[in-house]
PDB file of N, CA and C in Angstrom:
ATOM      1  N   MET A   1       8.987   5.637  -0.934  1.00  0.00           N
ATOM      2  CA  MET A   1       7.980   5.598   0.085  1.00  0.00           C
ATOM      3  C   MET A   1       7.542   4.135   0.201  1.00  0.00           C
ATOM      4  N   VAL A   2       7.529   3.627   1.395  1.00  0.00           N
ATOM      5  CA  VAL A   2       7.064   2.272   1.660  1.00  0.00           C
ATOM      6  C   VAL A   2       5.872   2.363   2.600  1.00  0.00           C
ATOM      7  N   VAL A   3       4.775   1.706   2.219  1.00  0.00           N
ATOM      8  CA  VAL A   3       3.542   1.757   2.997  1.00  0.00           C
ATOM      9  C   VAL A   3       3.071   0.348   3.295  1.00  0.00           C
ATOM     10  N   GLY A   4       2.569   0.150   4.514  1.00  0.00           N
ATOM     11  CA  GLY A   4       2.003  -1.149   4.875  1.00  0.00           C
ATOM     12  C   GLY A   4       1.265  -1.063   6.191  1.00  0.00           C
ATOM     13  N   GLY A   5       0.341  -1.977   6.369  1.00  0.00           N
ATOM     14  CA  GLY A   5      -0.437  -2.036   7.596  1.00  0.00           C
ATOM     15  C   GLY A   5       0.222  -2.913   8.645  1.00  0.00           C
ATOM     16  N   GLU A   6      -0.328  -2.856   9.847  1.00  0.00           N
ATOM     17  CA  GLU A   6       0.183  -3.655  10.963  1.00  0.00           C
ATOM     18  C   GLU A   6      -0.390  -5.067  10.901  1.00  0.00           C
ATOM     19  N   SER A   7       0.380  -6.024  11.388  1.00  0.00           N
ATOM     20  CA  SER A   7      -0.023  -7.430  11.320  1.00  0.00           C
ATOM     21  C   SER A   7      -0.123  -8.040  12.713  1.00  0.00           C
ATOM     22  N   ASP A   8      -1.187  -7.699  13.408  1.00  0.00           N
ATOM     23  CA  ASP A   8      -1.435  -8.230  14.743  1.00  0.00           C
ATOM     24  C   ASP A   8      -2.941  -8.177  14.974  1.00  0.00           C
ATOM     25  N   TYR A   9      -3.451  -9.047  15.804  1.00  0.00           N
ATOM     26  CA  TYR A   9      -4.897  -9.037  16.027  1.00  0.00           C
ATOM     27  C   TYR A   9      -5.364  -7.744  16.689  1.00  0.00           C
ATOM     28  N   LYS A  10      -4.458  -7.006  17.319  1.00  0.00           N
ATOM     29  CA  LYS A  10      -4.795  -5.707  17.904  1.00  0.00           C
ATOM     30  C   LYS A  10      -4.327  -4.545  17.017  1.00  0.00           C
ATOM     31  N   ALA A  11      -4.026  -4.830  15.762  1.00  0.00           N
ATOM     32  CA  ALA A  11      -3.492  -3.816  14.850  1.00  0.00           C
ATOM     33  C   ALA A  11      -4.490  -2.688  14.618  1.00  0.00           C
ATOM     34  N   ARG A  12      -3.934  -1.494  14.455  1.00  0.00           N
ATOM     35  CA  ARG A  12      -4.775  -0.349  14.084  1.00  0.00           C
ATOM     36  C   ARG A  12      -5.251  -0.566  12.644  1.00  0.00           C
ATOM     37  N   PRO A  13      -6.438  -0.094  12.328  1.00  0.00           N
ATOM     38  CA  PRO A  13      -6.952  -0.289  10.970  1.00  0.00           C
ATOM     39  C   PRO A  13      -6.132   0.469   9.922  1.00  0.00           C
ATOM     40  N   LEU A  14      -6.049  -0.115   8.744  1.00  0.00           N
ATOM     41  CA  LEU A  14      -5.431   0.541   7.597  1.00  0.00           C
ATOM     42  C   LEU A  14      -6.538   0.776   6.578  1.00  0.00           C
ATOM     43  N   ASN A  15      -6.745   2.032   6.234  1.00  0.00           N
ATOM     44  CA  ASN A  15      -7.779   2.382   5.278  1.00  0.00           C
ATOM     45  C   ASN A  15      -7.153   2.469   3.884  1.00  0.00           C
ATOM     46  N   TYR A  16      -7.698   1.719   2.941  1.00  0.00           N
ATOM     47  CA  TYR A  16      -7.144   1.669   1.587  1.00  0.00           C
ATOM     48  C   TYR A  16      -7.124   3.051   0.933  1.00  0.00           C
ATOM     49  N   SER A  17      -8.078   3.889   1.258  1.00  0.00           N
ATOM     50  CA  SER A  17      -8.090   5.240   0.681  1.00  0.00           C
ATOM     51  C   SER A  17      -6.846   6.016   1.123  1.00  0.00           C
ATOM     52  N   TRP A  18      -6.337   5.757   2.322  1.00  0.00           N
ATOM     53  CA  TRP A  18      -5.105   6.402   2.775  1.00  0.00           C
ATOM     54  C   TRP A  18      -3.927   5.948   1.911  1.00  0.00           C
ATOM     55  N   VAL A  19      -3.885   4.649   1.647  1.00  0.00           N
ATOM     56  CA  VAL A  19      -2.805   4.080   0.829  1.00  0.00           C
ATOM     57  C   VAL A  19      -2.810   4.730  -0.548  1.00  0.00           C
ATOM     58  N   LEU A  20      -3.982   4.810  -1.159  1.00  0.00           N
ATOM     59  CA  LEU A  20      -4.082   5.401  -2.494  1.00  0.00           C
ATOM     60  C   LEU A  20      -3.737   6.892  -2.483  1.00  0.00           C
ATOM     61  N   ASN A  21      -4.087   7.580  -1.413  1.00  0.00           N
ATOM     62  CA  ASN A  21      -3.759   8.994  -1.292  1.00  0.00           C
ATOM     63  C   ASN A  21      -2.249   9.190  -1.231  1.00  0.00           C
ATOM     64  N   ILE A  22      -1.571   8.369  -0.460  1.00  0.00           N
ATOM     65  CA  ILE A  22      -0.108   8.453  -0.355  1.00  0.00           C
ATOM     66  C   ILE A  22       0.527   8.121  -1.704  1.00  0.00           C
ATOM     67  N   ARG A  23      -0.009   7.115  -2.391  1.00  0.00           N
ATOM     68  CA  ARG A  23       0.486   6.755  -3.724  1.00  0.00           C
ATOM     69  C   ARG A  23       0.338   7.932  -4.678  1.00  0.00           C
ATOM     70  N   ASP A  24      -0.819   8.569  -4.682  1.00  0.00           N
ATOM     71  CA  ASP A  24      -1.052   9.717  -5.565  1.00  0.00           C
ATOM     72  C   ASP A  24      -0.060  10.840  -5.280  1.00  0.00           C
ATOM     73  N   GLN A  25       0.226  11.088  -4.001  1.00  0.00           N
ATOM     74  CA  GLN A  25       1.206  12.111  -3.634  1.00  0.00           C
ATOM     75  C   GLN A  25       2.590  11.736  -4.152  1.00  0.00           C
ATOM     76  N   SER A  26       2.939  10.445  -4.060  1.00  0.00           N
ATOM     77  CA  SER A  26       4.239   9.969  -4.538  1.00  0.00           C
ATOM     78  C   SER A  26       4.368  10.168  -6.047  1.00  0.00           C
ATOM     79  N   ILE A  27       3.302   9.865  -6.769  1.00  0.00           N
ATOM     80  CA  ILE A  27       3.323  10.041  -8.221  1.00  0.00           C
ATOM     81  C   ILE A  27       3.515  11.515  -8.574  1.00  0.00           C
ATOM     82  N   ARG A  28       2.772  12.386  -7.902  1.00  0.00           N
ATOM     83  CA  ARG A  28       2.892  13.825  -8.177  1.00  0.00           C
ATOM     84  C   ARG A  28       4.307  14.335  -7.929  1.00  0.00           C
ATOM     85  N   LYS A  29       4.985  13.772  -6.935  1.00  0.00           N
ATOM     86  CA  LYS A  29       6.355  14.190  -6.593  1.00  0.00           C
ATOM     87  C   LYS A  29       7.417  13.322  -7.274  1.00  0.00           C
ATOM     88  N   ASN A  30       6.971  12.381  -8.125  1.00  0.00           N
ATOM     89  CA  ASN A  30       7.870  11.442  -8.800  1.00  0.00           C
ATOM     90  C   ASN A  30       8.789  10.731  -7.797  1.00  0.00           C
ATOM     91  N   THR A  31       8.174  10.221  -6.744  1.00  0.00           N
ATOM     92  CA  THR A  31       8.869   9.471  -5.700  1.00  0.00           C
ATOM     93  C   THR A  31       8.380   8.027  -5.752  1.00  0.00           C
ATOM     94  N   SER A  32       9.296   7.084  -5.744  1.00  0.00           N
ATOM     95  CA  SER A  32       8.898   5.681  -5.789  1.00  0.00           C
ATOM     96  C   SER A  32       7.996   5.335  -4.611  1.00  0.00           C
ATOM     97  N   PHE A  33       7.045   4.433  -4.858  1.00  0.00           N
ATOM     98  CA  PHE A  33       6.060   4.027  -3.861  1.00  0.00           C
ATOM     99  C   PHE A  33       5.924   2.514  -3.917  1.00  0.00           C
ATOM    100  N   GLU A  34       5.960   1.871  -2.742  1.00  0.00           N
ATOM    101  CA  GLU A  34       5.766   0.426  -2.671  1.00  0.00           C
ATOM    102  C   GLU A  34       4.774   0.106  -1.556  1.00  0.00           C
ATOM    103  N   PHE A  35       3.720  -0.594  -1.921  1.00  0.00           N
ATOM    104  CA  PHE A  35       2.726  -1.058  -0.957  1.00  0.00           C
ATOM    105  C   PHE A  35       3.165  -2.446  -0.516  1.00  0.00           C
ATOM    106  N   ARG A  36       3.686  -2.554   0.720  1.00  0.00           N
ATOM    107  CA  ARG A  36       4.289  -3.799   1.188  1.00  0.00           C
ATOM    108  C   ARG A  36       3.285  -4.816   1.715  1.00  0.00           C
ATOM    109  N   GLN A  37       2.308  -4.324   2.506  1.00  0.00           N
ATOM    110  CA  GLN A  37       1.334  -5.291   3.033  1.00  0.00           C
ATOM    111  C   GLN A  37       0.067  -4.598   3.494  1.00  0.00           C
ATOM    112  N   TYR A  38      -1.014  -5.334   3.346  1.00  0.00           N
ATOM    113  CA  TYR A  38      -2.281  -4.898   3.915  1.00  0.00           C
ATOM    114  C   TYR A  38      -2.159  -4.982   5.424  1.00  0.00           C
ATOM    115  N   GLY A  39      -3.101  -4.430   6.148  1.00  0.00           N
ATOM    116  CA  GLY A  39      -3.140  -4.586   7.593  1.00  0.00           C
ATOM    117  C   GLY A  39      -4.086  -5.707   7.966  1.00  0.00           C
ATOM    118  N   THR A  40      -3.881  -6.293   9.123  1.00  0.00           N
ATOM    119  CA  THR A  40      -4.790  -7.328   9.613  1.00  0.00           C
ATOM    120  C   THR A  40      -6.215  -6.782   9.678  1.00  0.00           C
ATOM    121  N   ASN A  41      -6.341  -5.538  10.099  1.00  0.00           N
ATOM    122  CA  ASN A  41      -7.637  -4.848  10.116  1.00  0.00           C
ATOM    123  C   ASN A  41      -7.618  -3.841   8.985  1.00  0.00           C
ATOM    124  N   PHE A  42      -8.327  -4.144   7.919  1.00  0.00           N
ATOM    125  CA  PHE A  42      -8.241  -3.404   6.676  1.00  0.00           C
ATOM    126  C   PHE A  42      -9.603  -2.841   6.292  1.00  0.00           C
ATOM    127  N   ILE A  43      -9.629  -1.560   5.936  1.00  0.00           N
ATOM    128  CA  ILE A  43     -10.880  -0.912   5.550  1.00  0.00           C
ATOM    129  C   ILE A  43     -10.824  -0.564   4.065  1.00  0.00           C
ATOM    130  N   LYS A  44     -11.847  -0.998   3.338  1.00  0.00           N
ATOM    131  CA  LYS A  44     -11.981  -0.638   1.929  1.00  0.00           C
ATOM    132  C   LYS A  44     -13.444  -0.340   1.656  1.00  0.00           C
ATOM    133  N   ASP A  45     -13.693   0.799   1.031  1.00  0.00           N
ATOM    134  CA  ASP A  45     -15.061   1.228   0.709  1.00  0.00           C
ATOM    135  C   ASP A  45     -15.964   1.221   1.940  1.00  0.00           C
ATOM    136  N   GLY A  46     -15.399   1.625   3.093  1.00  0.00           N
ATOM    137  CA  GLY A  46     -16.167   1.737   4.322  1.00  0.00           C
ATOM    138  C   GLY A  46     -16.432   0.428   5.042  1.00  0.00           C
ATOM    139  N   LYS A  47     -15.927  -0.673   4.514  1.00  0.00           N
ATOM    140  CA  LYS A  47     -16.143  -1.983   5.140  1.00  0.00           C
ATOM    141  C   LYS A  47     -14.845  -2.490   5.760  1.00  0.00           C
ATOM    142  N   MET A  48     -14.925  -3.002   7.003  1.00  0.00           N
ATOM    143  CA  MET A  48     -13.750  -3.538   7.715  1.00  0.00           C
ATOM    144  C   MET A  48     -13.583  -5.016   7.383  1.00  0.00           C
ATOM    145  N   TYR A  49     -12.361  -5.390   7.037  1.00  0.00           N
ATOM    146  CA  TYR A  49     -12.020  -6.785   6.758  1.00  0.00           C
ATOM    147  C   TYR A  49     -10.978  -7.240   7.770  1.00  0.00           C
ATOM    148  N   LYS A  50     -11.082  -8.462   8.232  1.00  0.00           N
ATOM    149  CA  LYS A  50     -10.069  -9.099   9.088  1.00  0.00           C
ATOM    150  C   LYS A  50      -9.306 -10.061   8.188  1.00  0.00           C
ATOM    151  N   LEU A  51      -8.033  -9.772   7.960  1.00  0.00           N
ATOM    152  CA  LEU A  51      -7.222 -10.585   7.057  1.00  0.00           C
ATOM    153  C   LEU A  51      -6.232 -11.446   7.827  1.00  0.00           C
ATOM    154  N   GLN A  52      -5.933 -12.587   7.265  1.00  0.00           N
ATOM    155  CA  GLN A  52      -4.941 -13.481   7.868  1.00  0.00           C
ATOM    156  C   GLN A  52      -3.538 -12.915   7.622  1.00  0.00           C
ATOM    157  N   THR A  53      -2.713 -12.983   8.641  1.00  0.00           N
ATOM    158  CA  THR A  53      -1.360 -12.438   8.561  1.00  0.00           C
ATOM    159  C   THR A  53      -0.583 -13.034   7.387  1.00  0.00           C
ATOM    160  N   LYS A  54      -0.769 -14.293   7.108  1.00  0.00           N
ATOM    161  CA  LYS A  54       0.032 -14.948   6.071  1.00  0.00           C
ATOM    162  C   LYS A  54      -0.244 -14.437   4.655  1.00  0.00           C
ATOM    163  N   ILE A  55      -1.338 -13.718   4.435  1.00  0.00           N
ATOM    164  CA  ILE A  55      -1.639 -13.235   3.079  1.00  0.00           C
ATOM    165  C   ILE A  55      -1.427 -11.736   2.892  1.00  0.00           C
ATOM    166  N   LEU A  56      -1.029 -11.027   3.922  1.00  0.00           N
ATOM    167  CA  LEU A  56      -0.955  -9.569   3.845  1.00  0.00           C
ATOM    168  C   LEU A  56      -0.011  -9.072   2.746  1.00  0.00           C
ATOM    169  N   ALA A  57       1.173  -9.627   2.646  1.00  0.00           N
ATOM    170  CA  ALA A  57       2.150  -9.173   1.653  1.00  0.00           C
ATOM    171  C   ALA A  57       1.768  -9.620   0.245  1.00  0.00           C
ATOM    172  N   SER A  58       1.341 -10.855   0.091  1.00  0.00           N
ATOM    173  CA  SER A  58       1.001 -11.347  -1.250  1.00  0.00           C
ATOM    174  C   SER A  58      -0.195 -10.593  -1.826  1.00  0.00           C
ATOM    175  N   GLN A  59      -1.157 -10.261  -1.002  1.00  0.00           N
ATOM    176  CA  GLN A  59      -2.328  -9.516  -1.473  1.00  0.00           C
ATOM    177  C   GLN A  59      -1.941  -8.090  -1.862  1.00  0.00           C
ATOM    178  N   ALA A  60      -1.004  -7.495  -1.145  1.00  0.00           N
ATOM    179  CA  ALA A  60      -0.551  -6.140  -1.492  1.00  0.00           C
ATOM    180  C   ALA A  60       0.115  -6.141  -2.871  1.00  0.00           C
ATOM    181  N   ARG A  61       0.911  -7.161  -3.162  1.00  0.00           N
ATOM    182  CA  ARG A  61       1.540  -7.258  -4.484  1.00  0.00           C
ATOM    183  C   ARG A  61       0.474  -7.378  -5.575  1.00  0.00           C
ATOM    184  N   LYS A  62      -0.600  -8.110  -5.281  1.00  0.00           N
ATOM    185  CA  LYS A  62      -1.675  -8.313  -6.261  1.00  0.00           C
ATOM    186  C   LYS A  62      -2.490  -7.047  -6.515  1.00  0.00           C
ATOM    187  N   ALA A  63      -2.350  -6.032  -5.674  1.00  0.00           N
ATOM    188  CA  ALA A  63      -3.060  -4.775  -5.888  1.00  0.00           C
ATOM    189  C   ALA A  63      -2.466  -4.009  -7.082  1.00  0.00           C
ATOM    190  N   TYR A  64      -1.202  -4.298  -7.434  1.00  0.00           N
ATOM    191  CA  TYR A  64      -0.513  -3.667  -8.564  1.00  0.00           C
ATOM    192  C   TYR A  64      -0.605  -2.141  -8.513  1.00  0.00           C
ATOM    193  N   ILE A  65      -0.290  -1.560  -7.368  1.00  0.00           N
ATOM    194  CA  ILE A  65      -0.347  -0.098  -7.252  1.00  0.00           C
ATOM    195  C   ILE A  65       1.026   0.527  -7.012  1.00  0.00           C
ATOM    196  N   ASN A  66       2.086  -0.270  -7.042  1.00  0.00           N
ATOM    197  CA  ASN A  66       3.425   0.291  -6.843  1.00  0.00           C
ATOM    198  C   ASN A  66       3.760   1.263  -7.968  1.00  0.00           C
ATOM    199  N   TYR A  67       4.586   2.235  -7.642  1.00  0.00           N
ATOM    200  CA  TYR A  67       5.022   3.237  -8.616  1.00  0.00           C
ATOM    201  C   TYR A  67       6.535   3.366  -8.498  1.00  0.00           C
ATOM    202  N   TYR A  68       7.202   3.397  -9.647  1.00  0.00           N
ATOM    203  CA  TYR A  68       8.654   3.520  -9.635  1.00  0.00           C
ATOM    204  C   TYR A  68       9.058   4.837 -10.285  1.00  0.00           C
ATOM    205  N   LYS A  69       9.880   5.564  -9.584  1.00  0.00           N
ATOM    206  CA  LYS A  69      10.344   6.886 -10.005  1.00  0.00           C
ATOM    207  C   LYS A  69      10.870   6.855 -11.445  1.00  0.00           C
ATOM    208  N   LYS A  70      10.454   7.830 -12.192  1.00  0.00           N
ATOM    209  CA  LYS A  70      10.934   7.948 -13.580  1.00  0.00           C
ATOM    210  C   LYS A  70      12.153   8.866 -13.616  1.00  0.00           C
ATOM    211  N   MET A  71      13.191   8.376 -14.201  1.00  0.00           N
ATOM    212  CA  MET A  71      14.442   9.140 -14.308  1.00  0.00           C
ATOM    213  C   MET A  71      14.397   9.993 -15.578  1.00  0.00           C
ATOM    214  N   LYS A  72      15.242  10.991 -15.655  1.00  0.00           N
ATOM    215  CA  LYS A  72      15.321  11.841 -16.848  1.00  0.00           C
ATOM    216  C   LYS A  72      15.666  11.039 -18.095  1.00  0.00           C
ATOM    217  N   SER A  73      16.366   9.922 -17.897  1.00  0.00           N
ATOM    218  CA  SER A  73      16.752   9.065 -19.029  1.00  0.00           C
ATOM    219  C   SER A  73      15.576   8.242 -19.538  1.00  0.00           C
ATOM    220  N   GLY A  74      14.444   8.272 -18.807  1.00  0.00           N
ATOM    221  CA  GLY A  74      13.283   7.478 -19.208  1.00  0.00           C
ATOM    222  C   GLY A  74      13.217   6.142 -18.489  1.00  0.00           C
ATOM    223  N   LYS A  75      14.299   5.783 -17.785  1.00  0.00           N
ATOM    224  CA  LYS A  75      14.308   4.527 -17.035  1.00  0.00           C
ATOM    225  C   LYS A  75      13.554   4.720 -15.731  1.00  0.00           C
ATOM    226  N   THR A  76      13.182   3.608 -15.103  1.00  0.00           N
ATOM    227  CA  THR A  76      12.521   3.681 -13.795  1.00  0.00           C
ATOM    228  C   THR A  76      13.477   3.219 -12.713  1.00  0.00           C
ATOM    229  N   LEU A  77      13.250   3.711 -11.512  1.00  0.00           N
ATOM    230  CA  LEU A  77      14.103   3.382 -10.364  1.00  0.00           C
ATOM    231  C   LEU A  77      13.257   2.753  -9.301  1.00  0.00           C
TER     232      LEU A  77
END
């Protein structure tokens, strides 16, 4: 599962609670999850943030919320 927000000044908002909900579903189903980028219009804890396009991907990596599928062998995919 790959999740990310839109990167345009007219982008639809991305709510962080949605991202976390999708991540939780991925974990329950043991499906890999990668958060690729925040959205230009980003909502967290009910507050709207306007983010610069150049930081969307790097900030998503810093969230450290990716999940990698666990194989029967114990390895991750």
